Amino acid sequence: MFSQSIFAQLVRMSVLLVLSLIAVHNSPTLLNLLAQQAVNSGCHQQTGQDHNHHHSHHHH
């Protein structure tokens, strides 16, 4: 019974994942929004790394 409930949860999660992927794939606006968010996150992360790198050189 315990394994059946875990299996049911996995099936539900898989279905939700597939539906989410289909929704994103079929919605150019949502896809562009997610892509822009990923770019923004990458830029912020890169900026933070550059700042830390510059900061370490500043101490030397």
N, C-alpha and C. Protein backbone atom coordinates (compact mmCIF):
# COMPACT_ATOMS: atom_id res chain seq x y z
N MET A 1 0.80 -1.20 0.00
CA MET A 1 0.00 0.00 0.00
C MET A 1 0.85 1.26 0.00
N PHE A 2 1.92 1.25 0.77
CA PHE A 2 2.80 2.40 0.84
C PHE A 2 3.45 2.66 -0.52
N SER A 3 3.92 1.59 -1.16
CA SER A 3 4.57 1.76 -2.46
C SER A 3 3.56 2.23 -3.51
N GLN A 4 2.29 1.79 -3.38
CA GLN A 4 1.29 2.24 -4.33
C GLN A 4 1.04 3.75 -4.21
N SER A 5 1.06 4.27 -2.98
CA SER A 5 0.84 5.70 -2.81
C SER A 5 2.02 6.50 -3.37
N ILE A 6 3.23 5.99 -3.20
CA ILE A 6 4.40 6.65 -3.77
C ILE A 6 4.31 6.61 -5.29
N PHE A 7 3.91 5.47 -5.83
CA PHE A 7 3.76 5.35 -7.28
C PHE A 7 2.72 6.34 -7.80
N ALA A 8 1.61 6.46 -7.07
CA ALA A 8 0.56 7.40 -7.47
C ALA A 8 1.08 8.83 -7.46
N GLN A 9 1.87 9.18 -6.45
CA GLN A 9 2.44 10.53 -6.38
C GLN A 9 3.39 10.77 -7.55
N LEU A 10 4.22 9.77 -7.86
CA LEU A 10 5.14 9.91 -8.99
C LEU A 10 4.39 10.08 -10.30
N VAL A 11 3.31 9.33 -10.46
CA VAL A 11 2.51 9.46 -11.68
C VAL A 11 1.92 10.86 -11.77
N ARG A 12 1.36 11.35 -10.66
CA ARG A 12 0.78 12.70 -10.67
C ARG A 12 1.84 13.75 -10.98
N MET A 13 3.00 13.63 -10.36
CA MET A 13 4.07 14.60 -10.60
C MET A 13 4.54 14.54 -12.04
N SER A 14 4.64 13.34 -12.59
CA SER A 14 5.06 13.19 -13.98
C SER A 14 4.04 13.83 -14.92
N VAL A 15 2.77 13.61 -14.65
CA VAL A 15 1.73 14.20 -15.49
C VAL A 15 1.79 15.72 -15.42
N LEU A 16 1.97 16.26 -14.22
CA LEU A 16 2.07 17.70 -14.08
C LEU A 16 3.30 18.25 -14.81
N LEU A 17 4.40 17.54 -14.73
CA LEU A 17 5.62 17.95 -15.42
C LEU A 17 5.39 17.97 -16.93
N VAL A 18 4.80 16.91 -17.45
CA VAL A 18 4.54 16.83 -18.89
C VAL A 18 3.60 17.95 -19.32
N LEU A 19 2.54 18.19 -18.55
CA LEU A 19 1.61 19.26 -18.89
C LEU A 19 2.31 20.62 -18.85
N SER A 20 3.18 20.82 -17.88
CA SER A 20 3.91 22.08 -17.79
C SER A 20 4.82 22.26 -19.00
N LEU A 21 5.52 21.19 -19.38
CA LEU A 21 6.40 21.27 -20.54
C LEU A 21 5.61 21.55 -21.82
N ILE A 22 4.46 20.92 -21.95
CA ILE A 22 3.62 21.15 -23.13
C ILE A 22 3.13 22.59 -23.14
N ALA A 23 2.72 23.09 -21.97
CA ALA A 23 2.23 24.47 -21.89
C ALA A 23 3.33 25.46 -22.27
N VAL A 24 4.53 25.24 -21.76
CA VAL A 24 5.64 26.13 -22.08
C VAL A 24 5.99 26.03 -23.56
N HIS A 25 6.02 24.82 -24.07
CA HIS A 25 6.39 24.60 -25.48
C HIS A 25 5.38 25.24 -26.42
N ASN A 26 4.11 25.25 -26.05
CA ASN A 26 3.06 25.78 -26.92
C ASN A 26 2.77 27.25 -26.66
N SER A 27 3.47 27.86 -25.72
CA SER A 27 3.22 29.26 -25.41
C SER A 27 4.50 30.07 -25.61
N PRO A 28 4.68 30.69 -26.77
CA PRO A 28 5.90 31.46 -27.03
C PRO A 28 6.11 32.58 -26.01
N THR A 29 5.04 33.21 -25.56
CA THR A 29 5.17 34.29 -24.59
C THR A 29 5.75 33.78 -23.28
N LEU A 30 5.21 32.66 -22.80
CA LEU A 30 5.72 32.07 -21.56
C LEU A 30 7.15 31.59 -21.74
N LEU A 31 7.45 31.01 -22.89
CA LEU A 31 8.80 30.53 -23.17
C LEU A 31 9.79 31.69 -23.18
N ASN A 32 9.42 32.79 -23.82
CA ASN A 32 10.29 33.97 -23.85
C ASN A 32 10.48 34.55 -22.46
N LEU A 33 9.42 34.56 -21.67
CA LEU A 33 9.50 35.07 -20.30
C LEU A 33 10.48 34.24 -19.47
N LEU A 34 10.37 32.92 -19.58
CA LEU A 34 11.28 32.04 -18.84
C LEU A 34 12.71 32.19 -19.34
N ALA A 35 12.88 32.33 -20.64
CA ALA A 35 14.22 32.51 -21.20
C ALA A 35 14.83 33.81 -20.70
N GLN A 36 14.05 34.88 -20.68
CA GLN A 36 14.54 36.17 -20.20
C GLN A 36 14.91 36.07 -18.72
N GLN A 37 14.10 35.36 -17.94
CA GLN A 37 14.39 35.18 -16.52
C GLN A 37 15.70 34.42 -16.33
N ALA A 38 15.93 33.41 -17.16
CA ALA A 38 17.17 32.63 -17.07
C ALA A 38 18.37 33.51 -17.42
N VAL A 39 18.22 34.34 -18.45
CA VAL A 39 19.31 35.24 -18.85
C VAL A 39 19.60 36.23 -17.73
N ASN A 40 18.55 36.79 -17.14
CA ASN A 40 18.74 37.75 -16.05
C ASN A 40 19.44 37.09 -14.87
N SER A 41 19.06 35.89 -14.52
CA SER A 41 19.69 35.18 -13.42
C SER A 41 21.16 34.92 -13.72
N GLY A 42 21.45 34.52 -14.95
CA GLY A 42 22.82 34.26 -15.34
C GLY A 42 23.66 35.53 -15.29
N CYS A 43 23.09 36.64 -15.75
CA CYS A 43 23.83 37.91 -15.74
C CYS A 43 24.10 38.35 -14.32
N HIS A 44 23.13 38.23 -13.45
CA HIS A 44 23.33 38.63 -12.05
C HIS A 44 24.39 37.76 -11.40
N GLN A 45 24.36 36.47 -11.68
CA GLN A 45 25.33 35.55 -11.10
C GLN A 45 26.72 35.88 -11.63
N GLN A 46 26.83 36.13 -12.91
CA GLN A 46 28.12 36.45 -13.52
C GLN A 46 28.65 37.76 -12.96
N THR A 47 27.78 38.75 -12.78
CA THR A 47 28.19 40.04 -12.23
C THR A 47 28.74 39.85 -10.83
N GLY A 48 28.07 39.00 -10.04
CA GLY A 48 28.55 38.74 -8.69
C GLY A 48 29.91 38.07 -8.70
N GLN A 49 30.13 37.16 -9.62
CA GLN A 49 31.42 36.48 -9.72
C GLN A 49 32.50 37.48 -10.13
N ASP A 50 32.17 38.35 -11.09
CA ASP A 50 33.15 39.33 -11.53
C ASP A 50 33.51 40.27 -10.38
N HIS A 51 32.51 40.64 -9.62
CA HIS A 51 32.76 41.54 -8.49
C HIS A 51 33.67 40.87 -7.46
N ASN A 52 33.40 39.63 -7.14
CA ASN A 52 34.23 38.91 -6.18
C ASN A 52 35.64 38.73 -6.72
N HIS A 53 35.74 38.44 -8.00
CA HIS A 53 37.05 38.25 -8.61
C HIS A 53 37.85 39.55 -8.55
N HIS A 54 37.19 40.64 -8.88
CA HIS A 54 37.83 41.95 -8.84
C HIS A 54 38.21 42.30 -7.41
N HIS A 55 37.33 41.98 -6.49
CA HIS A 55 37.57 42.28 -5.09
C HIS A 55 38.81 41.53 -4.57
N SER A 56 38.98 40.28 -4.97
CA SER A 56 40.13 39.52 -4.50
C SER A 56 41.42 40.11 -5.07
N HIS A 57 41.37 40.59 -6.32
CA HIS A 57 42.56 41.22 -6.89
C HIS A 57 42.88 42.53 -6.19
N HIS A 58 41.83 43.20 -5.76
CA HIS A 58 42.00 44.48 -5.08
C HIS A 58 42.78 44.30 -3.79
N HIS A 59 42.57 43.16 -3.09
CA HIS A 59 43.29 42.93 -1.84
C HIS A 59 44.77 42.66 -2.08
N HIS A 60 45.11 42.08 -3.22
CA HIS A 60 46.51 41.77 -3.51
C HIS A 60 47.18 43.06 -3.88
